[in-house]
């Protein structure tokens, strides 16, 4: 399983703004506050008879994490897995971890609050 820890994303911390990981989903780009990104992975284990937007699970360091398709949740076309497709592991709280499938991870940027739309 190929993984990339957020410390390996080669980012510079700025005291002026927040850092966001920019991901592509369809024709749109979205920013995810990097403080919530726990990991970036590629492999998934499918789970039969789950909701259509739940694509499977990941076993990450012994923790079973559900993986959701944002494309299906947002009413877009189904995911097409390519070499650029990634699963972003989001950890909002100690027991609230979920994986989201994105088409591509673009970059890490620092934005001030007024620059966020």
C-alpha atoms as a PDB file:
ATOM      1  CA  UNK A   1       0.000   0.000   0.000  1.00  0.00           C
ATOM      2  CA  UNK A   2       1.457   3.347  -1.050  1.00  0.00           C
ATOM      3  CA  UNK A   3       1.001   6.160   1.491  1.00  0.00           C
ATOM      4  CA  UNK A   4       2.173   9.716   1.951  1.00  0.00           C
ATOM      5  CA  UNK A   5       2.160  11.256   5.408  1.00  0.00           C
ATOM      6  CA  UNK A   6       1.233  14.938   5.622  1.00  0.00           C
ATOM      7  CA  UNK A   7       4.718  15.675   6.950  1.00  0.00           C
ATOM      8  CA  UNK A   8       6.091  14.388   3.636  1.00  0.00           C
ATOM      9  CA  UNK A   9       4.133  16.907   1.562  1.00  0.00           C
ATOM     10  CA  UNK A  10       7.047  19.366   1.782  1.00  0.00           C
ATOM     11  CA  UNK A  11       5.116  22.355   3.097  1.00  0.00           C
ATOM     12  CA  UNK A  12       6.265  25.562   4.721  1.00  0.00           C
ATOM     13  CA  UNK A  13       4.251  26.762   7.711  1.00  0.00           C
ATOM     14  CA  UNK A  14       3.079  30.353   7.551  1.00  0.00           C
ATOM     15  CA  UNK A  15       1.931  32.343  10.569  1.00  0.00           C
ATOM     16  CA  UNK A  16      -0.274  34.516   8.326  1.00  0.00           C
ATOM     17  CA  UNK A  17      -2.639  31.915   6.862  1.00  0.00           C
ATOM     18  CA  UNK A  18      -3.888  28.368   6.874  1.00  0.00           C
ATOM     19  CA  UNK A  19      -2.543  25.600   4.705  1.00  0.00           C
ATOM     20  CA  UNK A  20      -4.886  23.734   2.383  1.00  0.00           C
ATOM     21  CA  UNK A  21      -4.330  20.672   0.273  1.00  0.00           C
ATOM     22  CA  UNK A  22      -5.854  21.358  -3.148  1.00  0.00           C
ATOM     23  CA  UNK A  23      -7.688  18.394  -4.679  1.00  0.00           C
ATOM     24  CA  UNK A  24      -9.445  17.986  -7.999  1.00  0.00           C
ATOM     25  CA  UNK A  25     -12.936  16.530  -8.203  1.00  0.00           C
ATOM     26  CA  UNK A  26     -14.403  16.576 -11.702  1.00  0.00           C
ATOM     27  CA  UNK A  27     -13.777  20.017 -13.202  1.00  0.00           C
ATOM     28  CA  UNK A  28     -13.575  21.730  -9.800  1.00  0.00           C
ATOM     29  CA  UNK A  29     -10.757  22.209  -7.319  1.00  0.00           C
ATOM     30  CA  UNK A  30     -11.344  22.169  -3.571  1.00  0.00           C
ATOM     31  CA  UNK A  31      -9.159  22.972  -0.602  1.00  0.00           C
ATOM     32  CA  UNK A  32      -9.063  20.826   2.528  1.00  0.00           C
ATOM     33  CA  UNK A  33      -7.572  22.330   5.680  1.00  0.00           C
ATOM     34  CA  UNK A  34      -4.354  20.357   6.072  1.00  0.00           C
ATOM     35  CA  UNK A  35      -4.785  20.074   9.841  1.00  0.00           C
ATOM     36  CA  UNK A  36      -7.557  17.519   9.172  1.00  0.00           C
ATOM     37  CA  UNK A  37      -5.576  15.451   6.654  1.00  0.00           C
ATOM     38  CA  UNK A  38      -4.156  12.371   8.340  1.00  0.00           C
ATOM     39  CA  UNK A  39      -2.840  10.492   5.306  1.00  0.00           C
ATOM     40  CA  UNK A  40      -3.108  10.002   1.555  1.00  0.00           C
ATOM     41  CA  UNK A  41      -3.481   6.449   0.241  1.00  0.00           C
ATOM     42  CA  UNK A  42      -4.357   4.652  -2.986  1.00  0.00           C
ATOM     43  CA  UNK A  43      -5.700   1.190  -2.127  1.00  0.00           C
ATOM     44  CA  UNK A  44      -9.206   0.312  -0.966  1.00  0.00           C
ATOM     45  CA  UNK A  45     -11.029  -2.879   0.032  1.00  0.00           C
ATOM     46  CA  UNK A  46     -14.519  -3.048  -1.436  1.00  0.00           C
ATOM     47  CA  UNK A  47     -17.509  -3.767   0.820  1.00  0.00           C
ATOM     48  CA  UNK A  48     -20.526  -5.449  -0.772  1.00  0.00           C
ATOM     49  CA  UNK A  49     -24.116  -4.234  -0.247  1.00  0.00           C
ATOM     50  CA  UNK A  50     -23.099  -0.813   1.125  1.00  0.00           C
ATOM     51  CA  UNK A  51     -24.657   2.524   0.188  1.00  0.00           C
ATOM     52  CA  UNK A  52     -23.645   3.464  -3.380  1.00  0.00           C
ATOM     53  CA  UNK A  53     -21.412   6.340  -2.230  1.00  0.00           C
ATOM     54  CA  UNK A  54     -19.545   4.163   0.318  1.00  0.00           C
ATOM     55  CA  UNK A  55     -16.905   2.450  -1.773  1.00  0.00           C
ATOM     56  CA  UNK A  56     -15.162   0.332   0.844  1.00  0.00           C
ATOM     57  CA  UNK A  57     -12.739   0.471   3.741  1.00  0.00           C
ATOM     58  CA  UNK A  58      -9.050   0.961   4.409  1.00  0.00           C
ATOM     59  CA  UNK A  59      -7.057  -0.674   7.172  1.00  0.00           C
ATOM     60  CA  UNK A  60      -4.674   2.085   8.251  1.00  0.00           C
ATOM     61  CA  UNK A  61      -2.380   1.165  11.142  1.00  0.00           C
ATOM     62  CA  UNK A  62      -5.000  -1.254  12.472  1.00  0.00           C
ATOM     63  CA  UNK A  63      -7.880   1.239  12.216  1.00  0.00           C
ATOM     64  CA  UNK A  64     -10.707   0.385   9.811  1.00  0.00           C
ATOM     65  CA  UNK A  65     -11.712   3.565   7.959  1.00  0.00           C
ATOM     66  CA  UNK A  66     -14.785   3.868   5.705  1.00  0.00           C
ATOM     67  CA  UNK A  67     -14.186   5.385   2.263  1.00  0.00           C
ATOM     68  CA  UNK A  68     -16.764   7.612   0.571  1.00  0.00           C
ATOM     69  CA  UNK A  69     -17.068   8.734  -3.046  1.00  0.00           C
ATOM     70  CA  UNK A  70     -17.554  12.505  -3.072  1.00  0.00           C
ATOM     71  CA  UNK A  71     -18.458  12.308  -6.758  1.00  0.00           C
ATOM     72  CA  UNK A  72     -21.503  10.117  -6.044  1.00  0.00           C
ATOM     73  CA  UNK A  73     -22.403  12.061  -2.900  1.00  0.00           C
ATOM     74  CA  UNK A  74     -22.362  15.317  -4.929  1.00  0.00           C
ATOM     75  CA  UNK A  75     -24.398  13.752  -7.755  1.00  0.00           C
ATOM     76  CA  UNK A  76     -21.524  13.618 -10.262  1.00  0.00           C
ATOM     77  CA  UNK A  77     -20.437  10.743 -12.514  1.00  0.00           C
ATOM     78  CA  UNK A  78     -19.043   7.626 -10.834  1.00  0.00           C
ATOM     79  CA  UNK A  79     -15.344   7.601  -9.908  1.00  0.00           C
ATOM     80  CA  UNK A  80     -12.894   6.556 -12.594  1.00  0.00           C
ATOM     81  CA  UNK A  81      -9.795   5.242 -10.883  1.00  0.00           C
ATOM     82  CA  UNK A  82      -6.602   6.417 -12.594  1.00  0.00           C
ATOM     83  CA  UNK A  83      -2.969   6.664 -11.552  1.00  0.00           C
ATOM     84  CA  UNK A  84      -3.762  10.142 -10.135  1.00  0.00           C
ATOM     85  CA  UNK A  85      -6.751   9.017  -8.013  1.00  0.00           C
ATOM     86  CA  UNK A  86      -6.113   9.260  -4.277  1.00  0.00           C
ATOM     87  CA  UNK A  87      -7.974   8.621  -1.048  1.00  0.00           C
ATOM     88  CA  UNK A  88      -7.574  11.437   1.481  1.00  0.00           C
ATOM     89  CA  UNK A  89      -7.907  10.283   5.090  1.00  0.00           C
ATOM     90  CA  UNK A  90      -9.675  13.035   7.045  1.00  0.00           C
ATOM     91  CA  UNK A  91      -9.551  12.991  10.844  1.00  0.00           C
ATOM     92  CA  UNK A  92     -11.934  15.522  12.384  1.00  0.00           C
ATOM     93  CA  UNK A  93     -11.944  14.076  15.920  1.00  0.00           C
ATOM     94  CA  UNK A  94     -10.322  11.143  17.706  1.00  0.00           C
ATOM     95  CA  UNK A  95     -13.038   8.682  16.598  1.00  0.00           C
ATOM     96  CA  UNK A  96     -14.266  10.485  13.467  1.00  0.00           C
ATOM     97  CA  UNK A  97     -12.050   9.375  10.573  1.00  0.00           C
ATOM     98  CA  UNK A  98     -13.202   8.919   6.981  1.00  0.00           C
ATOM     99  CA  UNK A  99     -11.570   8.461   3.597  1.00  0.00           C
ATOM    100  CA  UNK A 100     -12.711  10.479   0.600  1.00  0.00           C
ATOM    101  CA  UNK A 101     -11.890   9.627  -3.010  1.00  0.00           C
ATOM    102  CA  UNK A 102     -10.527  12.505  -5.093  1.00  0.00           C
ATOM    103  CA  UNK A 103      -9.477  12.566  -8.744  1.00  0.00           C
ATOM    104  CA  UNK A 104      -6.110  14.138  -8.038  1.00  0.00           C
ATOM    105  CA  UNK A 105      -4.066  15.849  -5.325  1.00  0.00           C
ATOM    106  CA  UNK A 106      -2.717  19.059  -6.838  1.00  0.00           C
ATOM    107  CA  UNK A 107      -0.648  20.965  -4.272  1.00  0.00           C
ATOM    108  CA  UNK A 108      -0.470  22.456  -0.796  1.00  0.00           C
ATOM    109  CA  UNK A 109      -1.084  26.200  -0.564  1.00  0.00           C
ATOM    110  CA  UNK A 110      -1.269  28.790   2.185  1.00  0.00           C
ATOM    111  CA  UNK A 111      -4.246  31.157   2.138  1.00  0.00           C
ATOM    112  CA  UNK A 112      -5.390  34.010   4.322  1.00  0.00           C
ATOM    113  CA  UNK A 113      -8.970  33.910   5.566  1.00  0.00           C
ATOM    114  CA  UNK A 114     -10.095  36.602   3.104  1.00  0.00           C
ATOM    115  CA  UNK A 115      -8.757  34.545   0.175  1.00  0.00           C
ATOM    116  CA  UNK A 116     -11.004  31.562   0.934  1.00  0.00           C
ATOM    117  CA  UNK A 117     -14.220  31.320  -1.083  1.00  0.00           C
END
